[in-house]
PDB file of N, CA and C in Angstrom:
ATOM      1  N   MET A   1     180.326  11.902  92.523  1.00  0.00           N
ATOM      2  CA  MET A   1     179.388  11.794  91.420  1.00  0.00           C
ATOM      3  C   MET A   1     180.148  11.480  90.128  1.00  0.00           C
ATOM      4  N   SER A   2     179.672  10.510  89.388  1.00  0.00           N
ATOM      5  CA  SER A   2     180.306  10.113  88.139  1.00  0.00           C
ATOM      6  C   SER A   2     179.580  10.745  86.973  1.00  0.00           C
ATOM      7  N   SER A   3     180.270  10.797  85.857  1.00  0.00           N
ATOM      8  CA  SER A   3     179.670  11.373  84.664  1.00  0.00           C
ATOM      9  C   SER A   3     179.678  10.331  83.547  1.00  0.00           C
ATOM     10  N   LEU A   4     178.522  10.120  82.952  1.00  0.00           N
ATOM     11  CA  LEU A   4     178.403   9.153  81.874  1.00  0.00           C
ATOM     12  C   LEU A   4     178.889   9.780  80.570  1.00  0.00           C
ATOM     13  N   ASP A   5     179.633   9.024  79.813  1.00  0.00           N
ATOM     14  CA  ASP A   5     180.116   9.473  78.516  1.00  0.00           C
ATOM     15  C   ASP A   5     178.925   9.952  77.689  1.00  0.00           C
ATOM     16  N   PRO A   6     178.950  11.182  77.172  1.00  0.00           N
ATOM     17  CA  PRO A   6     177.826  11.708  76.387  1.00  0.00           C
ATOM     18  C   PRO A   6     177.474  10.839  75.182  1.00  0.00           C
ATOM     19  N   ALA A   7     178.452  10.154  74.599  1.00  0.00           N
ATOM     20  CA  ALA A   7     178.177   9.278  73.458  1.00  0.00           C
ATOM     21  C   ALA A   7     177.302   8.100  73.880  1.00  0.00           C
ATOM     22  N   VAL A   8     177.477   7.640  75.099  1.00  0.00           N
ATOM     23  CA  VAL A   8     176.640   6.556  75.629  1.00  0.00           C
ATOM     24  C   VAL A   8     175.284   7.128  76.034  1.00  0.00           C
ATOM     25  N   SER A   9     175.305   8.217  76.763  1.00  0.00           N
ATOM     26  CA  SER A   9     174.069   8.839  77.242  1.00  0.00           C
ATOM     27  C   SER A   9     173.109   9.165  76.101  1.00  0.00           C
ATOM     28  N   ASP A  10     173.639   9.649  74.998  1.00  0.00           N
ATOM     29  CA  ASP A  10     172.812  10.018  73.841  1.00  0.00           C
ATOM     30  C   ASP A  10     172.105   8.819  73.226  1.00  0.00           C
ATOM     31  N   ARG A  11     172.631   7.627  73.427  1.00  0.00           N
ATOM     32  CA  ARG A  11     172.036   6.421  72.843  1.00  0.00           C
ATOM     33  C   ARG A  11     170.925   5.824  73.694  1.00  0.00           C
ATOM     34  N   LEU A  12     170.824   6.238  74.975  1.00  0.00           N
ATOM     35  CA  LEU A  12     169.850   5.656  75.888  1.00  0.00           C
ATOM     36  C   LEU A  12     168.455   6.228  75.663  1.00  0.00           C
ATOM     37  N   LYS A  13     167.484   5.335  75.622  1.00  0.00           N
ATOM     38  CA  LYS A  13     166.071   5.735  75.592  1.00  0.00           C
ATOM     39  C   LYS A  13     165.512   5.406  76.969  1.00  0.00           C
ATOM     40  N   ARG A  14     165.130   6.441  77.697  1.00  0.00           N
ATOM     41  CA  ARG A  14     164.728   6.294  79.089  1.00  0.00           C
ATOM     42  C   ARG A  14     163.221   6.311  79.249  1.00  0.00           C
ATOM     43  N   THR A  15     162.758   5.789  80.398  1.00  0.00           N
ATOM     44  CA  THR A  15     161.348   5.903  80.756  1.00  0.00           C
ATOM     45  C   THR A  15     161.077   7.370  81.102  1.00  0.00           C
ATOM     46  N   ALA A  16     159.820   7.685  81.353  1.00  0.00           N
ATOM     47  CA  ALA A  16     159.448   9.061  81.694  1.00  0.00           C
ATOM     48  C   ALA A  16     160.177   9.562  82.938  1.00  0.00           C
ATOM     49  N   ASP A  17     160.546   8.644  83.842  1.00  0.00           N
ATOM     50  CA  ASP A  17     161.257   9.058  85.049  1.00  0.00           C
ATOM     51  C   ASP A  17     162.779   8.950  84.906  1.00  0.00           C
ATOM     52  N   GLY A  18     163.267   8.809  83.663  1.00  0.00           N
ATOM     53  CA  GLY A  18     164.697   8.865  83.387  1.00  0.00           C
ATOM     54  C   GLY A  18     165.464   7.580  83.595  1.00  0.00           C
ATOM     55  N   LEU A  19     164.759   6.458  83.651  1.00  0.00           N
ATOM     56  CA  LEU A  19     165.410   5.180  83.947  1.00  0.00           C
ATOM     57  C   LEU A  19     165.460   4.263  82.727  1.00  0.00           C
ATOM     58  N   VAL A  20     166.416   3.343  82.773  1.00  0.00           N
ATOM     59  CA  VAL A  20     166.564   2.303  81.757  1.00  0.00           C
ATOM     60  C   VAL A  20     166.573   0.964  82.489  1.00  0.00           C
ATOM     61  N   PRO A  21     165.753  -0.013  82.046  1.00  0.00           N
ATOM     62  CA  PRO A  21     165.802  -1.323  82.690  1.00  0.00           C
ATOM     63  C   PRO A  21     167.128  -2.018  82.394  1.00  0.00           C
ATOM     64  N   ALA A  22     167.640  -2.709  83.405  1.00  0.00           N
ATOM     65  CA  ALA A  22     168.897  -3.438  83.278  1.00  0.00           C
ATOM     66  C   ALA A  22     168.643  -4.909  83.609  1.00  0.00           C
ATOM     67  N   VAL A  23     168.682  -5.747  82.597  1.00  0.00           N
ATOM     68  CA  VAL A  23     168.562  -7.191  82.787  1.00  0.00           C
ATOM     69  C   VAL A  23     169.936  -7.681  83.237  1.00  0.00           C
ATOM     70  N   VAL A  24     169.962  -8.400  84.352  1.00  0.00           N
ATOM     71  CA  VAL A  24     171.231  -8.839  84.929  1.00  0.00           C
ATOM     72  C   VAL A  24     171.375 -10.342  84.740  1.00  0.00           C
ATOM     73  N   GLN A  25     172.520 -10.735  84.182  1.00  0.00           N
ATOM     74  CA  GLN A  25     172.756 -12.121  83.787  1.00  0.00           C
ATOM     75  C   GLN A  25     174.106 -12.583  84.328  1.00  0.00           C
ATOM     76  N   GLN A  26     174.158 -13.829  84.809  1.00  0.00           N
ATOM     77  CA  GLN A  26     175.428 -14.425  85.219  1.00  0.00           C
ATOM     78  C   GLN A  26     176.295 -14.587  83.972  1.00  0.00           C
ATOM     79  N   HIS A  27     177.502 -14.064  84.008  1.00  0.00           N
ATOM     80  CA  HIS A  27     178.341 -13.976  82.808  1.00  0.00           C
ATOM     81  C   HIS A  27     178.721 -15.313  82.205  1.00  0.00           C
ATOM     82  N   ASP A  28     178.918 -16.349  83.010  1.00  0.00           N
ATOM     83  CA  ASP A  28     179.432 -17.601  82.454  1.00  0.00           C
ATOM     84  C   ASP A  28     178.355 -18.650  82.161  1.00  0.00           C
ATOM     85  N   THR A  29     177.202 -18.555  82.812  1.00  0.00           N
ATOM     86  CA  THR A  29     176.156 -19.557  82.592  1.00  0.00           C
ATOM     87  C   THR A  29     174.978 -19.024  81.779  1.00  0.00           C
ATOM     88  N   GLY A  30     174.854 -17.702  81.694  1.00  0.00           N
ATOM     89  CA  GLY A  30     173.719 -17.120  80.990  1.00  0.00           C
ATOM     90  C   GLY A  30     172.459 -17.041  81.844  1.00  0.00           C
ATOM     91  N   GLU A  31     172.521 -17.489  83.095  1.00  0.00           N
ATOM     92  CA  GLU A  31     171.368 -17.453  83.999  1.00  0.00           C
ATOM     93  C   GLU A  31     170.908 -16.006  84.206  1.00  0.00           C
ATOM     94  N   VAL A  32     169.608 -15.760  84.003  1.00  0.00           N
ATOM     95  CA  VAL A  32     169.051 -14.434  84.247  1.00  0.00           C
ATOM     96  C   VAL A  32     168.796 -14.311  85.740  1.00  0.00           C
ATOM     97  N   LEU A  33     169.406 -13.305  86.359  1.00  0.00           N
ATOM     98  CA  LEU A  33     169.370 -13.167  87.810  1.00  0.00           C
ATOM     99  C   LEU A  33     168.298 -12.204  88.312  1.00  0.00           C
ATOM    100  N   MET A  34     168.171 -11.056  87.672  1.00  0.00           N
ATOM    101  CA  MET A  34     167.265 -10.033  88.186  1.00  0.00           C
ATOM    102  C   MET A  34     167.071  -8.923  87.155  1.00  0.00           C
ATOM    103  N   LEU A  35     166.194  -8.015  87.490  1.00  0.00           N
ATOM    104  CA  LEU A  35     165.995  -6.793  86.714  1.00  0.00           C
ATOM    105  C   LEU A  35     166.190  -5.627  87.657  1.00  0.00           C
ATOM    106  N   GLY A  36     167.036  -4.703  87.278  1.00  0.00           N
ATOM    107  CA  GLY A  36     167.245  -3.488  88.053  1.00  0.00           C
ATOM    108  C   GLY A  36     166.994  -2.287  87.169  1.00  0.00           C
ATOM    109  N   TRP A  37     167.084  -1.110  87.750  1.00  0.00           N
ATOM    110  CA  TRP A  37     166.868   0.133  87.010  1.00  0.00           C
ATOM    111  C   TRP A  37     168.076   1.030  87.162  1.00  0.00           C
ATOM    112  N   MET A  38     168.492   1.640  86.065  1.00  0.00           N
ATOM    113  CA  MET A  38     169.636   2.546  86.081  1.00  0.00           C
ATOM    114  C   MET A  38     169.266   3.864  85.420  1.00  0.00           C
ATOM    115  N   ASP A  39     169.822   4.935  85.956  1.00  0.00           N
ATOM    116  CA  ASP A  39     169.806   6.204  85.255  1.00  0.00           C
ATOM    117  C   ASP A  39     171.255   6.465  84.833  1.00  0.00           C
ATOM    118  N   ASP A  40     171.519   7.631  84.280  1.00  0.00           N
ATOM    119  CA  ASP A  40     172.876   7.916  83.804  1.00  0.00           C
ATOM    120  C   ASP A  40     173.904   7.794  84.929  1.00  0.00           C
ATOM    121  N   GLU A  41     173.563   8.301  86.105  1.00  0.00           N
ATOM    122  CA  GLU A  41     174.487   8.266  87.245  1.00  0.00           C
ATOM    123  C   GLU A  41     174.772   6.826  87.680  1.00  0.00           C
ATOM    124  N   ALA A  42     173.750   6.006  87.795  1.00  0.00           N
ATOM    125  CA  ALA A  42     173.950   4.612  88.199  1.00  0.00           C
ATOM    126  C   ALA A  42     174.815   3.870  87.186  1.00  0.00           C
ATOM    127  N   LEU A  43     174.571   4.110  85.906  1.00  0.00           N
ATOM    128  CA  LEU A  43     175.370   3.459  84.867  1.00  0.00           C
ATOM    129  C   LEU A  43     176.809   3.951  84.920  1.00  0.00           C
ATOM    130  N   ALA A  44     177.002   5.238  85.107  1.00  0.00           N
ATOM    131  CA  ALA A  44     178.355   5.792  85.205  1.00  0.00           C
ATOM    132  C   ALA A  44     179.095   5.217  86.406  1.00  0.00           C
ATOM    133  N   ARG A  45     178.419   5.114  87.541  1.00  0.00           N
ATOM    134  CA  ARG A  45     179.039   4.536  88.740  1.00  0.00           C
ATOM    135  C   ARG A  45     179.403   3.078  88.515  1.00  0.00           C
ATOM    136  N   THR A  46     178.516   2.332  87.837  1.00  0.00           N
ATOM    137  CA  THR A  46     178.769   0.922  87.539  1.00  0.00           C
ATOM    138  C   THR A  46     180.010   0.773  86.672  1.00  0.00           C
ATOM    139  N   ILE A  47     180.100   1.595  85.638  1.00  0.00           N
ATOM    140  CA  ILE A  47     181.252   1.537  84.734  1.00  0.00           C
ATOM    141  C   ILE A  47     182.532   1.916  85.477  1.00  0.00           C
ATOM    142  N   ALA A  48     182.469   2.952  86.309  1.00  0.00           N
ATOM    143  CA  ALA A  48     183.654   3.451  87.009  1.00  0.00           C
ATOM    144  C   ALA A  48     184.171   2.483  88.073  1.00  0.00           C
ATOM    145  N   THR A  49     183.258   1.781  88.762  1.00  0.00           N
ATOM    146  CA  THR A  49     183.666   0.945  89.893  1.00  0.00           C
ATOM    147  C   THR A  49     183.739  -0.544  89.589  1.00  0.00           C
ATOM    148  N   GLY A  50     183.028  -0.983  88.540  1.00  0.00           N
ATOM    149  CA  GLY A  50     182.950  -2.417  88.259  1.00  0.00           C
ATOM    150  C   GLY A  50     181.989  -3.144  89.176  1.00  0.00           C
ATOM    151  N   ARG A  51     181.251  -2.406  89.983  1.00  0.00           N
ATOM    152  CA  ARG A  51     180.238  -2.958  90.885  1.00  0.00           C
ATOM    153  C   ARG A  51     178.877  -2.473  90.401  1.00  0.00           C
ATOM    154  N   ALA A  52     177.903  -3.365  90.328  1.00  0.00           N
ATOM    155  CA  ALA A  52     176.575  -3.011  89.830  1.00  0.00           C
ATOM    156  C   ALA A  52     175.888  -2.039  90.789  1.00  0.00           C
ATOM    157  N   THR A  53     175.509  -0.887  90.252  1.00  0.00           N
ATOM    158  CA  THR A  53     174.837   0.162  91.011  1.00  0.00           C
ATOM    159  C   THR A  53     173.506   0.453  90.339  1.00  0.00           C
ATOM    160  N   TYR A  54     172.455   0.511  91.120  1.00  0.00           N
ATOM    161  CA  TYR A  54     171.103   0.695  90.591  1.00  0.00           C
ATOM    162  C   TYR A  54     170.419   1.880  91.265  1.00  0.00           C
ATOM    163  N   TRP A  55     169.310   2.304  90.666  1.00  0.00           N
ATOM    164  CA  TRP A  55     168.437   3.293  91.274  1.00  0.00           C
ATOM    165  C   TRP A  55     167.256   2.539  91.883  1.00  0.00           C
ATOM    166  N   SER A  56     167.042   2.722  93.177  1.00  0.00           N
ATOM    167  CA  SER A  56     165.913   2.085  93.850  1.00  0.00           C
ATOM    168  C   SER A  56     164.688   2.961  93.677  1.00  0.00           C
ATOM    169  N   ARG A  57     163.700   2.451  92.972  1.00  0.00           N
ATOM    170  CA  ARG A  57     162.464   3.212  92.766  1.00  0.00           C
ATOM    171  C   ARG A  57     161.660   3.313  94.054  1.00  0.00           C
ATOM    172  N   SER A  58     161.753   2.324  94.916  1.00  0.00           N
ATOM    173  CA  SER A  58     160.983   2.353  96.165  1.00  0.00           C
ATOM    174  C   SER A  58     161.611   3.261  97.222  1.00  0.00           C
ATOM    175  N   ARG A  59     162.944   3.328  97.244  1.00  0.00           N
ATOM    176  CA  ARG A  59     163.627   4.147  98.252  1.00  0.00           C
ATOM    177  C   ARG A  59     164.127   5.478  97.701  1.00  0.00           C
ATOM    178  N   SER A  60     164.048   5.645  96.381  1.00  0.00           N
ATOM    179  CA  SER A  60     164.537   6.860  95.715  1.00  0.00           C
ATOM    180  C   SER A  60     165.990   7.169  96.086  1.00  0.00           C
ATOM    181  N   GLU A  61     166.843   6.134  95.917  1.00  0.00           N
ATOM    182  CA  GLU A  61     168.270   6.324  96.188  1.00  0.00           C
ATOM    183  C   GLU A  61     169.074   5.281  95.414  1.00  0.00           C
ATOM    184  N   TYR A  62     170.365   5.567  95.258  1.00  0.00           N
ATOM    185  CA  TYR A  62     171.257   4.621  94.607  1.00  0.00           C
ATOM    186  C   TYR A  62     171.617   3.518  95.591  1.00  0.00           C
ATOM    187  N   TRP A  63     171.814   2.315  95.047  1.00  0.00           N
ATOM    188  CA  TRP A  63     172.296   1.212  95.871  1.00  0.00           C
ATOM    189  C   TRP A  63     173.255   0.350  95.074  1.00  0.00           C
ATOM    190  N   VAL A  64     174.323  -0.021  95.746  1.00  0.00           N
ATOM    191  CA  VAL A  64     175.317  -0.918  95.162  1.00  0.00           C
ATOM    192  C   VAL A  64     174.933  -2.325  95.588  1.00  0.00           C
ATOM    193  N   LYS A  65     174.672  -3.186  94.621  1.00  0.00           N
ATOM    194  CA  LYS A  65     174.233  -4.551  94.914  1.00  0.00           C
ATOM    195  C   LYS A  65     175.261  -5.248  95.806  1.00  0.00           C
ATOM    196  N   GLY A  66     174.790  -5.736  96.952  1.00  0.00           N
ATOM    197  CA  GLY A  66     175.635  -6.471  97.868  1.00  0.00           C
ATOM    198  C   GLY A  66     176.313  -5.627  98.925  1.00  0.00           C
ATOM    199  N   GLU A  67     176.095  -4.324  98.885  1.00  0.00           N
ATOM    200  CA  GLU A  67     176.763  -3.447  99.848  1.00  0.00           C
ATOM    201  C   GLU A  67     176.419  -3.810 101.296  1.00  0.00           C
ATOM    202  N   THR A  68     175.165  -4.172 101.535  1.00  0.00           N
ATOM    203  CA  THR A  68     174.776  -4.562 102.896  1.00  0.00           C
ATOM    204  C   THR A  68     174.642  -6.080 103.048  1.00  0.00           C
ATOM    205  N   SER A  69     174.251  -6.777 102.001  1.00  0.00           N
ATOM    206  CA  SER A  69     174.027  -8.227 102.087  1.00  0.00           C
ATOM    207  C   SER A  69     175.292  -9.051 101.871  1.00  0.00           C
ATOM    208  N   GLY A  70     176.278  -8.461 101.206  1.00  0.00           N
ATOM    209  CA  GLY A  70     177.475  -9.218 100.839  1.00  0.00           C
ATOM    210  C   GLY A  70     177.316  -9.988  99.545  1.00  0.00           C
ATOM    211  N   HIS A  71     176.127  -9.925  98.938  1.00  0.00           N
ATOM    212  CA  HIS A  71     175.858 -10.633  97.678  1.00  0.00           C
ATOM    213  C   HIS A  71     176.185  -9.711  96.509  1.00  0.00           C
ATOM    214  N   ARG A  72     177.465  -9.500  96.320  1.00  0.00           N
ATOM    215  CA  ARG A  72     177.955  -8.517  95.351  1.00  0.00           C
ATOM    216  C   ARG A  72     177.824  -8.984  93.903  1.00  0.00           C
ATOM    217  N   GLN A  73     177.739  -7.997  93.036  1.00  0.00           N
ATOM    218  CA  GLN A  73     177.771  -8.245  91.594  1.00  0.00           C
ATOM    219  C   GLN A  73     178.987  -7.542  91.020  1.00  0.00           C
ATOM    220  N   TRP A  74     179.898  -8.336  90.479  1.00  0.00           N
ATOM    221  CA  TRP A  74     181.092  -7.813  89.827  1.00  0.00           C
ATOM    222  C   TRP A  74     180.815  -7.787  88.326  1.00  0.00           C
ATOM    223  N   VAL A  75     180.795  -6.626  87.743  1.00  0.00           N
ATOM    224  CA  VAL A  75     180.387  -6.445  86.348  1.00  0.00           C
ATOM    225  C   VAL A  75     181.497  -6.883  85.401  1.00  0.00           C
ATOM    226  N   THR A  76     181.141  -7.761  84.463  1.00  0.00           N
ATOM    227  CA  THR A  76     182.105  -8.221  83.465  1.00  0.00           C
ATOM    228  C   THR A  76     181.844  -7.598  82.100  1.00  0.00           C
ATOM    229  N   GLU A  77     180.600  -7.153  81.869  1.00  0.00           N
ATOM    230  CA  GLU A  77     180.245  -6.622  80.538  1.00  0.00           C
ATOM    231  C   GLU A  77     178.909  -5.903  80.632  1.00  0.00           C
ATOM    232  N   ILE A  78     178.769  -4.828  79.869  1.00  0.00           N
ATOM    233  CA  ILE A  78     177.491  -4.131  79.757  1.00  0.00           C
ATOM    234  C   ILE A  78     177.201  -3.930  78.275  1.00  0.00           C
ATOM    235  N   ARG A  79     175.999  -4.296  77.874  1.00  0.00           N
ATOM    236  CA  ARG A  79     175.579  -4.130  76.482  1.00  0.00           C
ATOM    237  C   ARG A  79     174.292  -3.323  76.427  1.00  0.00           C
ATOM    238  N   LEU A  80     174.097  -2.616  75.336  1.00  0.00           N
ATOM    239  CA  LEU A  80     172.876  -1.865  75.079  1.00  0.00           C
ATOM    240  C   LEU A  80     172.148  -2.553  73.939  1.00  0.00           C
ATOM    241  N   ASP A  81     170.838  -2.757  74.092  1.00  0.00           N
ATOM    242  CA  ASP A  81     170.097  -3.444  73.027  1.00  0.00           C
ATOM    243  C   ASP A  81     169.959  -2.549  71.798  1.00  0.00           C
ATOM    244  N   CYS A  82     169.463  -3.135  70.723  1.00  0.00           N
ATOM    245  CA  CYS A  82     169.407  -2.464  69.426  1.00  0.00           C
ATOM    246  C   CYS A  82     168.536  -1.206  69.429  1.00  0.00           C
ATOM    247  N   ASP A  83     167.538  -1.140  70.322  1.00  0.00           N
ATOM    248  CA  ASP A  83     166.662   0.029  70.402  1.00  0.00           C
ATOM    249  C   ASP A  83     167.180   1.085  71.376  1.00  0.00           C
ATOM    250  N   GLY A  84     168.169   0.742  72.169  1.00  0.00           N
ATOM    251  CA  GLY A  84     168.724   1.671  73.144  1.00  0.00           C
ATOM    252  C   GLY A  84     167.883   1.823  74.401  1.00  0.00           C
ATOM    253  N   ASP A  85     166.915   0.897  74.597  1.00  0.00           N
ATOM    254  CA  ASP A  85     166.024   1.065  75.746  1.00  0.00           C
ATOM    255  C   ASP A  85     166.170   0.000  76.827  1.00  0.00           C
ATOM    256  N   THR A  86     167.158  -0.875  76.701  1.00  0.00           N
ATOM    257  CA  THR A  86     167.402  -1.898  77.720  1.00  0.00           C
ATOM    258  C   THR A  86     168.891  -2.207  77.777  1.00  0.00           C
ATOM    259  N   LEU A  87     169.391  -2.317  79.008  1.00  0.00           N
ATOM    260  CA  LEU A  87     170.777  -2.706  79.227  1.00  0.00           C
ATOM    261  C   LEU A  87     170.842  -4.184  79.583  1.00  0.00           C
ATOM    262  N   LEU A  88     171.900  -4.846  79.154  1.00  0.00           N
ATOM    263  CA  LEU A  88     172.212  -6.197  79.592  1.00  0.00           C
ATOM    264  C   LEU A  88     173.499  -6.083  80.400  1.00  0.00           C
ATOM    265  N   VAL A  89     173.413  -6.397  81.679  1.00  0.00           N
ATOM    266  CA  VAL A  89     174.564  -6.298  82.572  1.00  0.00           C
ATOM    267  C   VAL A  89     174.984  -7.716  82.939  1.00  0.00           C
ATOM    268  N   LYS A  90     176.149  -8.116  82.465  1.00  0.00           N
ATOM    269  CA  LYS A  90     176.677  -9.441  82.791  1.00  0.00           C
ATOM    270  C   LYS A  90     177.580  -9.300  84.006  1.00  0.00           C
ATOM    271  N   VAL A  91     177.346 -10.187  84.982  1.00  0.00           N
ATOM    272  CA  VAL A  91     178.042 -10.072  86.257  1.00  0.00           C
ATOM    273  C   VAL A  91     178.584 -11.418  86.720  1.00  0.00           C
ATOM    274  N   ASP A  92     179.490 -11.341  87.668  1.00  0.00           N
ATOM    275  CA  ASP A  92     179.889 -12.502  88.445  1.00  0.00           C
ATOM    276  C   ASP A  92     179.201 -12.307  89.790  1.00  0.00           C
ATOM    277  N   GLN A  93     178.141 -13.068  90.028  1.00  0.00           N
ATOM    278  CA  GLN A  93     177.290 -12.912  91.203  1.00  0.00           C
ATOM    279  C   GLN A  93     177.862 -13.685  92.385  1.00  0.00           C
ATOM    280  N   GLU A  94     178.007 -13.003  93.517  1.00  0.00           N
ATOM    281  CA  GLU A  94     178.366 -13.661  94.777  1.00  0.00           C
ATOM    282  C   GLU A  94     177.080 -13.931  95.539  1.00  0.00           C
ATOM    283  N   GLY A  95     176.761 -15.189  95.783  1.00  0.00           N
ATOM    284  CA  GLY A  95     175.570 -15.529  96.555  1.00  0.00           C
ATOM    285  C   GLY A  95     174.287 -15.260  95.796  1.00  0.00           C
ATOM    286  N   ALA A  96     173.257 -14.886  96.546  1.00  0.00           N
ATOM    287  CA  ALA A  96     171.917 -14.686  95.990  1.00  0.00           C
ATOM    288  C   ALA A  96     171.801 -13.339  95.291  1.00  0.00           C
ATOM    289  N   ALA A  97     171.082 -13.311  94.184  1.00  0.00           N
ATOM    290  CA  ALA A  97     170.806 -12.048  93.504  1.00  0.00           C
ATOM    291  C   ALA A  97     169.495 -11.443  93.985  1.00  0.00           C
ATOM    292  N   CYS A  98     168.567 -12.278  94.411  1.00  0.00           N
ATOM    293  CA  CYS A  98     167.237 -11.808  94.798  1.00  0.00           C
ATOM    294  C   CYS A  98     167.206 -11.397  96.267  1.00  0.00           C
ATOM    295  N   HIS A  99     166.410 -10.382  96.561  1.00  0.00           N
ATOM    296  CA  HIS A  99     166.271  -9.920  97.951  1.00  0.00           C
ATOM    297  C   HIS A  99     165.609 -10.965  98.852  1.00  0.00           C
ATOM    298  N   THR A 100     164.991 -11.984  98.251  1.00  0.00           N
ATOM    299  CA  THR A 100     164.363 -13.058  99.039  1.00  0.00           C
ATOM    300  C   THR A 100     165.383 -14.097  99.504  1.00  0.00           C
ATOM    301  N   GLY A 101     166.600 -14.003  98.969  1.00  0.00           N
ATOM    302  CA  GLY A 101     167.629 -14.980  99.301  1.00  0.00           C
ATOM    303  C   GLY A 101     167.792 -16.057  98.249  1.00  0.00           C
ATOM    304  N   ASP A 102     166.933 -16.045  97.212  1.00  0.00           N
ATOM    305  CA  ASP A 102     167.061 -16.996  96.107  1.00  0.00           C
ATOM    306  C   ASP A 102     168.193 -16.567  95.177  1.00  0.00           C
ATOM    307  N   ARG A 103     168.758 -17.518  94.497  1.00  0.00           N
ATOM    308  CA  ARG A 103     169.850 -17.237  93.553  1.00  0.00           C
ATOM    309  C   ARG A 103     169.400 -16.225  92.501  1.00  0.00           C
ATOM    310  N   THR A 104     168.183 -16.405  91.976  1.00  0.00           N
ATOM    311  CA  THR A 104     167.655 -15.533  90.936  1.00  0.00           C
ATOM    312  C   THR A 104     166.259 -15.070  91.334  1.00  0.00           C
ATOM    313  N   CYS A 105     165.868 -13.931  90.853  1.00  0.00           N
ATOM    314  CA  CYS A 105     164.519 -13.415  91.127  1.00  0.00           C
ATOM    315  C   CYS A 105     163.454 -14.178  90.335  1.00  0.00           C
ATOM    316  N   PHE A 106     163.873 -15.069  89.461  1.00  0.00           N
ATOM    317  CA  PHE A 106     162.934 -15.783  88.596  1.00  0.00           C
ATOM    318  C   PHE A 106     162.756 -17.252  89.002  1.00  0.00           C
ATOM    319  N   ASP A 107     163.062 -17.585  90.247  1.00  0.00           N
ATOM    320  CA  ASP A 107     162.896 -18.951  90.751  1.00  0.00           C
ATOM    321  C   ASP A 107     161.491 -19.249  91.247  1.00  0.00           C
ATOM    322  N   ALA A 108     160.755 -18.247  91.681  1.00  0.00           N
ATOM    323  CA  ALA A 108     159.538 -18.451  92.462  1.00  0.00           C
ATOM    324  C   ALA A 108     158.333 -18.947  91.671  1.00  0.00           C
ATOM    325  N   ASP A 109     157.972 -18.275  90.616  1.00  0.00           N
ATOM    326  CA  ASP A 109     156.687 -18.550  89.963  1.00  0.00           C
ATOM    327  C   ASP A 109     156.835 -18.859  88.482  1.00  0.00           C
ATOM    328  N   LEU A 110     156.617 -20.119  88.127  1.00  0.00           N
ATOM    329  CA  LEU A 110     156.556 -20.515  86.726  1.00  0.00           C
ATOM    330  C   LEU A 110     155.126 -20.274  86.263  1.00  0.00           C
ATOM    331  N   LEU A 111     154.935 -19.309  85.387  1.00  0.00           N
ATOM    332  CA  LEU A 111     153.593 -18.964  84.927  1.00  0.00           C
ATOM    333  C   LEU A 111     153.130 -19.821  83.758  1.00  0.00           C
ATOM    334  N   HIS A 112     154.078 -20.265  82.937  1.00  0.00           N
ATOM    335  CA  HIS A 112     153.715 -21.069  81.763  1.00  0.00           C
ATOM    336  C   HIS A 112     154.964 -21.792  81.279  1.00  0.00           C
ATOM    337  N   GLN A 113     154.757 -22.995  80.837  1.00  0.00           N
ATOM    338  CA  GLN A 113     155.834 -23.740  80.198  1.00  0.00           C
ATOM    339  C   GLN A 113     155.255 -24.395  78.967  1.00  0.00           C
ATOM    340  N   GLY A 114     155.674 -23.915  77.807  1.00  0.00           N
ATOM    341  CA  GLY A 114     155.161 -24.436  76.556  1.00  0.00           C
ATOM    342  C   GLY A 114     155.876 -25.706  76.135  1.00  0.00           C
ATOM    343  N   PRO A 115     155.345 -26.345  75.103  1.00  0.00           N
ATOM    344  CA  PRO A 115     155.918 -27.618  74.651  1.00  0.00           C
ATOM    345  C   PRO A 115     157.248 -27.457  73.929  1.00  0.00           C
ATOM    346  N   GLY A 116     157.563 -26.226  73.477  1.00  0.00           N
ATOM    347  CA  GLY A 116     158.797 -26.040  72.710  1.00  0.00           C
ATOM    348  C   GLY A 116     158.620 -26.558  71.301  1.00  0.00           C
ATOM    349  N   ARG A 117     159.681 -26.556  70.557  1.00  0.00           N
ATOM    350  CA  ARG A 117     159.640 -27.032  69.169  1.00  0.00           C
ATOM    351  C   ARG A 117     160.212 -28.423  69.095  1.00  0.00           C
ATOM    352  N   ALA A 118     159.607 -29.232  68.258  1.00  0.00           N
ATOM    353  CA  ALA A 118     160.069 -30.613  68.093  1.00  0.00           C
ATOM    354  C   ALA A 118     161.290 -30.685  67.217  1.00  0.00           C
TER     355      ALA A 118
END
């Protein structure tokens, strides 16, 4: 069991179930890969090992990304947003990030594409 630095823990604003959303981004391209959930333990494990560790809300257990699939995430940087309620985890992704086998969890459904600014 890892212990999160109290100075970091004190800055986190968690959901009612003690979790913080973690937006996961490919470190060199900026591609958004997925959204995971972390509690203090998952964040501490991620920092200690350099491997992205999340809390599975569906299975109620910790999981290290790629432990069974081989699609590992090697953490290069972790940032906390200005409100303290979202983490940005920059990784070097091996293979697919999505459980469907897609590179990113955001490949499937384009809901809207605006005209942008001229």
